[in-house]
Amino acid sequence: MATTSKAKKKTVRSASGLKRARQDIKLNAANTALRSQFRTVIKNVQKAVVIGDKSKAAELFKSAQSVIDSVADKGIFHKNKAARYKSRLSAKIKALAA
């Protein structure tokens, strides 16, 4: 079991508690991977915007939208947070044209 030095987790004794702890480790790993993927796609779009490559930024944004939506659908982030990120990214891409 992975415990941090800051907070020691209480040892569970019941069978259902042990199973829950096992499941939590797997869920935590899956959520962490998805959160990381979310951050990566956003970073990639932002890098393309900074460079000023509108076509690449638009292409990356198109693929990023599905990742952002899937993370929101799974409940890792709130749907409004996902919408906010998509809105801000699309605004930055539109600003490149001007």
N, C-alpha and C. Protein backbone atom coordinates (compact mmCIF):
# COMPACT_ATOMS: atom_id res chain seq x y z
N MET A 1 0.83 -1.19 0.00
CA MET A 1 0.00 0.00 0.00
C MET A 1 0.87 1.24 0.00
N ALA A 2 0.48 2.21 -0.80
CA ALA A 2 1.27 3.43 -0.91
C ALA A 2 0.73 4.49 0.06
N THR A 3 1.49 4.75 1.10
CA THR A 3 1.09 5.80 2.04
C THR A 3 2.16 6.87 2.05
N THR A 4 1.73 8.09 2.21
CA THR A 4 2.68 9.19 2.24
C THR A 4 3.15 9.40 3.67
N SER A 5 4.23 10.13 3.80
CA SER A 5 4.75 10.39 5.14
C SER A 5 3.86 11.39 5.89
N LYS A 6 3.13 12.20 5.13
CA LYS A 6 2.27 13.21 5.75
C LYS A 6 1.10 12.57 6.49
N ALA A 7 0.37 11.72 5.80
CA ALA A 7 -0.84 11.15 6.40
C ALA A 7 -0.79 9.63 6.36
N LYS A 8 -0.70 9.03 7.50
CA LYS A 8 -0.74 7.57 7.59
C LYS A 8 -2.19 7.14 7.51
N LYS A 9 -2.45 6.18 6.60
CA LYS A 9 -3.82 5.69 6.49
C LYS A 9 -4.05 4.63 7.55
N LYS A 10 -5.28 4.61 8.05
CA LYS A 10 -5.65 3.62 9.04
C LYS A 10 -5.74 2.25 8.39
N THR A 11 -5.25 1.23 9.05
CA THR A 11 -5.32 -0.12 8.51
C THR A 11 -6.75 -0.62 8.63
N VAL A 12 -7.25 -1.16 7.52
CA VAL A 12 -8.61 -1.67 7.49
C VAL A 12 -8.58 -3.14 7.88
N ARG A 13 -9.60 -3.56 8.61
CA ARG A 13 -9.61 -4.94 9.08
C ARG A 13 -10.67 -5.80 8.38
N SER A 14 -11.78 -5.19 8.01
CA SER A 14 -12.86 -5.97 7.40
C SER A 14 -12.52 -6.31 5.95
N ALA A 15 -13.10 -7.41 5.48
CA ALA A 15 -12.85 -7.86 4.11
C ALA A 15 -13.33 -6.83 3.10
N SER A 16 -14.50 -6.23 3.38
CA SER A 16 -15.03 -5.23 2.45
C SER A 16 -14.14 -3.99 2.44
N GLY A 17 -13.59 -3.64 3.59
CA GLY A 17 -12.68 -2.51 3.68
C GLY A 17 -11.39 -2.75 2.93
N LEU A 18 -10.87 -3.98 3.03
CA LEU A 18 -9.64 -4.33 2.31
C LEU A 18 -9.87 -4.26 0.81
N LYS A 19 -11.03 -4.76 0.37
CA LYS A 19 -11.35 -4.71 -1.05
C LYS A 19 -11.47 -3.27 -1.52
N ARG A 20 -12.14 -2.45 -0.71
CA ARG A 20 -12.30 -1.04 -1.04
C ARG A 20 -10.93 -0.37 -1.17
N ALA A 21 -10.01 -0.69 -0.28
CA ALA A 21 -8.66 -0.11 -0.32
C ALA A 21 -7.94 -0.52 -1.60
N ARG A 22 -8.10 -1.80 -2.00
CA ARG A 22 -7.49 -2.27 -3.24
C ARG A 22 -8.07 -1.53 -4.44
N GLN A 23 -9.38 -1.36 -4.45
CA GLN A 23 -10.04 -0.68 -5.55
C GLN A 23 -9.62 0.79 -5.61
N ASP A 24 -9.48 1.40 -4.45
CA ASP A 24 -9.09 2.81 -4.38
C ASP A 24 -7.73 3.04 -5.03
N ILE A 25 -6.81 2.11 -4.82
CA ILE A 25 -5.47 2.24 -5.41
C ILE A 25 -5.56 2.22 -6.93
N LYS A 26 -6.37 1.28 -7.47
CA LYS A 26 -6.52 1.20 -8.93
C LYS A 26 -7.23 2.43 -9.49
N LEU A 27 -8.29 2.86 -8.81
CA LEU A 27 -9.04 4.03 -9.27
C LEU A 27 -8.17 5.28 -9.22
N ASN A 28 -7.38 5.41 -8.16
CA ASN A 28 -6.50 6.56 -8.02
C ASN A 28 -5.49 6.61 -9.16
N ALA A 29 -4.94 5.44 -9.52
CA ALA A 29 -3.97 5.39 -10.61
C ALA A 29 -4.62 5.77 -11.94
N ALA A 30 -5.84 5.28 -12.18
CA ALA A 30 -6.55 5.59 -13.42
C ALA A 30 -6.88 7.08 -13.50
N ASN A 31 -7.36 7.63 -12.38
CA ASN A 31 -7.72 9.05 -12.36
C ASN A 31 -6.49 9.93 -12.54
N THR A 32 -5.38 9.52 -11.94
CA THR A 32 -4.14 10.28 -12.07
C THR A 32 -3.67 10.31 -13.51
N ALA A 33 -3.78 9.16 -14.19
CA ALA A 33 -3.37 9.07 -15.59
C ALA A 33 -4.24 9.97 -16.46
N LEU A 34 -5.55 9.96 -16.22
CA LEU A 34 -6.46 10.79 -17.01
C LEU A 34 -6.22 12.27 -16.75
N ARG A 35 -5.98 12.62 -15.49
CA ARG A 35 -5.70 14.01 -15.14
C ARG A 35 -4.43 14.49 -15.83
N SER A 36 -3.43 13.62 -15.88
CA SER A 36 -2.17 13.93 -16.53
C SER A 36 -2.37 14.13 -18.03
N GLN A 37 -3.18 13.26 -18.64
CA GLN A 37 -3.47 13.38 -20.06
C GLN A 37 -4.19 14.69 -20.35
N PHE A 38 -5.12 15.06 -19.48
CA PHE A 38 -5.86 16.33 -19.59
C PHE A 38 -4.89 17.50 -19.61
N ARG A 39 -3.97 17.51 -18.65
CA ARG A 39 -3.01 18.61 -18.56
C ARG A 39 -2.11 18.66 -19.79
N THR A 40 -1.72 17.48 -20.29
CA THR A 40 -0.82 17.41 -21.43
C THR A 40 -1.47 17.98 -22.69
N VAL A 41 -2.72 17.60 -22.96
CA VAL A 41 -3.36 18.09 -24.19
C VAL A 41 -3.56 19.61 -24.13
N ILE A 42 -3.88 20.12 -22.95
CA ILE A 42 -4.06 21.56 -22.80
C ILE A 42 -2.73 22.28 -23.02
N LYS A 43 -1.67 21.71 -22.44
CA LYS A 43 -0.34 22.30 -22.60
C LYS A 43 0.08 22.32 -24.07
N ASN A 44 -0.22 21.25 -24.79
CA ASN A 44 0.15 21.17 -26.21
C ASN A 44 -0.56 22.25 -27.03
N VAL A 45 -1.84 22.47 -26.76
CA VAL A 45 -2.58 23.51 -27.48
C VAL A 45 -2.01 24.88 -27.13
N GLN A 46 -1.72 25.11 -25.85
CA GLN A 46 -1.18 26.41 -25.43
C GLN A 46 0.18 26.68 -26.06
N LYS A 47 1.01 25.64 -26.19
CA LYS A 47 2.32 25.81 -26.83
C LYS A 47 2.16 26.22 -28.29
N ALA A 48 1.21 25.59 -28.98
CA ALA A 48 0.96 25.92 -30.38
C ALA A 48 0.46 27.36 -30.51
N VAL A 49 -0.33 27.81 -29.55
CA VAL A 49 -0.84 29.19 -29.56
C VAL A 49 0.32 30.17 -29.35
N VAL A 50 1.21 29.85 -28.42
CA VAL A 50 2.35 30.74 -28.13
C VAL A 50 3.25 30.86 -29.36
N ILE A 51 3.45 29.74 -30.05
CA ILE A 51 4.27 29.76 -31.26
C ILE A 51 3.59 30.60 -32.35
N GLY A 52 2.26 30.55 -32.35
CA GLY A 52 1.51 31.32 -33.34
C GLY A 52 1.05 30.49 -34.51
N ASP A 53 1.13 29.16 -34.39
CA ASP A 53 0.72 28.25 -35.45
C ASP A 53 -0.78 27.94 -35.31
N LYS A 54 -1.60 28.71 -36.02
CA LYS A 54 -3.06 28.59 -35.87
C LYS A 54 -3.57 27.24 -36.33
N SER A 55 -3.07 26.73 -37.45
CA SER A 55 -3.58 25.46 -37.98
C SER A 55 -3.24 24.29 -37.04
N LYS A 56 -2.02 24.31 -36.52
CA LYS A 56 -1.63 23.24 -35.59
C LYS A 56 -2.41 23.35 -34.29
N ALA A 57 -2.60 24.57 -33.80
CA ALA A 57 -3.35 24.78 -32.57
C ALA A 57 -4.79 24.31 -32.73
N ALA A 58 -5.40 24.62 -33.88
CA ALA A 58 -6.79 24.21 -34.13
C ALA A 58 -6.89 22.69 -34.21
N GLU A 59 -5.90 22.08 -34.84
CA GLU A 59 -5.88 20.61 -34.96
C GLU A 59 -5.73 19.96 -33.59
N LEU A 60 -4.81 20.48 -32.79
CA LEU A 60 -4.60 19.94 -31.44
C LEU A 60 -5.82 20.17 -30.56
N PHE A 61 -6.46 21.32 -30.74
CA PHE A 61 -7.66 21.64 -29.94
C PHE A 61 -8.79 20.68 -30.26
N LYS A 62 -8.91 20.32 -31.53
CA LYS A 62 -9.96 19.39 -31.95
C LYS A 62 -9.80 18.05 -31.24
N SER A 63 -8.57 17.55 -31.15
CA SER A 63 -8.33 16.28 -30.46
C SER A 63 -8.41 16.45 -28.94
N ALA A 64 -8.06 17.64 -28.46
CA ALA A 64 -8.09 17.90 -27.01
C ALA A 64 -9.51 17.94 -26.48
N GLN A 65 -10.45 18.38 -27.31
CA GLN A 65 -11.84 18.49 -26.88
C GLN A 65 -12.38 17.15 -26.40
N SER A 66 -12.07 16.07 -27.11
CA SER A 66 -12.60 14.76 -26.72
C SER A 66 -11.99 14.30 -25.40
N VAL A 67 -10.71 14.60 -25.20
CA VAL A 67 -10.06 14.23 -23.94
C VAL A 67 -10.67 15.03 -22.78
N ILE A 68 -10.87 16.31 -22.99
CA ILE A 68 -11.44 17.18 -21.95
C ILE A 68 -12.85 16.72 -21.60
N ASP A 69 -13.65 16.39 -22.63
CA ASP A 69 -15.02 15.93 -22.39
C ASP A 69 -15.05 14.59 -21.67
N SER A 70 -14.15 13.69 -22.05
CA SER A 70 -14.16 12.35 -21.41
C SER A 70 -13.77 12.45 -19.95
N VAL A 71 -12.83 13.33 -19.63
CA VAL A 71 -12.43 13.52 -18.23
C VAL A 71 -13.60 14.09 -17.42
N ALA A 72 -14.35 15.00 -18.03
CA ALA A 72 -15.51 15.58 -17.35
C ALA A 72 -16.62 14.54 -17.20
N ASP A 73 -16.82 13.71 -18.22
CA ASP A 73 -17.86 12.67 -18.16
C ASP A 73 -17.58 11.65 -17.06
N LYS A 74 -16.31 11.40 -16.82
CA LYS A 74 -15.93 10.43 -15.79
C LYS A 74 -15.98 11.03 -14.39
N GLY A 75 -16.22 12.33 -14.30
CA GLY A 75 -16.37 12.97 -13.00
C GLY A 75 -15.07 13.36 -12.35
N ILE A 76 -13.97 13.33 -13.09
CA ILE A 76 -12.68 13.72 -12.52
C ILE A 76 -12.65 15.23 -12.34
N PHE A 77 -13.23 15.94 -13.32
CA PHE A 77 -13.43 17.37 -13.21
C PHE A 77 -14.89 17.68 -13.43
N HIS A 78 -15.34 18.81 -12.95
CA HIS A 78 -16.72 19.24 -13.16
C HIS A 78 -16.91 19.63 -14.63
N LYS A 79 -18.10 19.43 -15.13
CA LYS A 79 -18.39 19.75 -16.54
C LYS A 79 -18.16 21.23 -16.83
N ASN A 80 -18.44 22.08 -15.86
CA ASN A 80 -18.23 23.52 -16.06
C ASN A 80 -16.75 23.85 -16.21
N LYS A 81 -15.90 23.13 -15.47
CA LYS A 81 -14.46 23.35 -15.58
C LYS A 81 -13.99 22.97 -16.98
N ALA A 82 -14.50 21.85 -17.49
CA ALA A 82 -14.14 21.41 -18.84
C ALA A 82 -14.59 22.44 -19.87
N ALA A 83 -15.82 22.93 -19.70
CA ALA A 83 -16.35 23.93 -20.63
C ALA A 83 -15.52 25.21 -20.58
N ARG A 84 -15.09 25.58 -19.39
CA ARG A 84 -14.29 26.79 -19.22
C ARG A 84 -12.95 26.66 -19.95
N TYR A 85 -12.30 25.50 -19.81
CA TYR A 85 -11.02 25.27 -20.49
C TYR A 85 -11.21 25.31 -22.00
N LYS A 86 -12.25 24.64 -22.51
CA LYS A 86 -12.49 24.61 -23.94
C LYS A 86 -12.77 26.02 -24.46
N SER A 87 -13.54 26.79 -23.72
CA SER A 87 -13.88 28.14 -24.12
C SER A 87 -12.64 29.02 -24.20
N ARG A 88 -11.81 28.94 -23.18
CA ARG A 88 -10.60 29.78 -23.14
C ARG A 88 -9.62 29.40 -24.24
N LEU A 89 -9.48 28.09 -24.48
CA LEU A 89 -8.56 27.65 -25.54
C LEU A 89 -9.06 28.09 -26.90
N SER A 90 -10.36 27.94 -27.15
CA SER A 90 -10.88 28.34 -28.46
C SER A 90 -10.77 29.86 -28.65
N ALA A 91 -10.93 30.61 -27.57
CA ALA A 91 -10.79 32.07 -27.65
C ALA A 91 -9.35 32.44 -28.02
N LYS A 92 -8.38 31.72 -27.43
CA LYS A 92 -6.98 32.00 -27.76
C LYS A 92 -6.67 31.68 -29.21
N ILE A 93 -7.26 30.58 -29.71
CA ILE A 93 -7.03 30.20 -31.10
C ILE A 93 -7.67 31.23 -32.05
N LYS A 94 -8.87 31.68 -31.71
CA LYS A 94 -9.53 32.69 -32.54
C LYS A 94 -8.77 34.01 -32.53
N ALA A 95 -8.13 34.32 -31.41
CA ALA A 95 -7.36 35.56 -31.30
C ALA A 95 -6.12 35.53 -32.19
N LEU A 96 -5.65 34.34 -32.57
CA LEU A 96 -4.49 34.25 -33.46
C LEU A 96 -4.82 34.80 -34.84
N ALA A 97 -6.05 34.65 -35.27
CA ALA A 97 -6.46 35.13 -36.61
C ALA A 97 -6.40 36.64 -36.69
N ALA A 98 -6.70 37.30 -35.58
CA ALA A 98 -6.75 38.77 -35.57
C ALA A 98 -5.37 39.39 -35.63
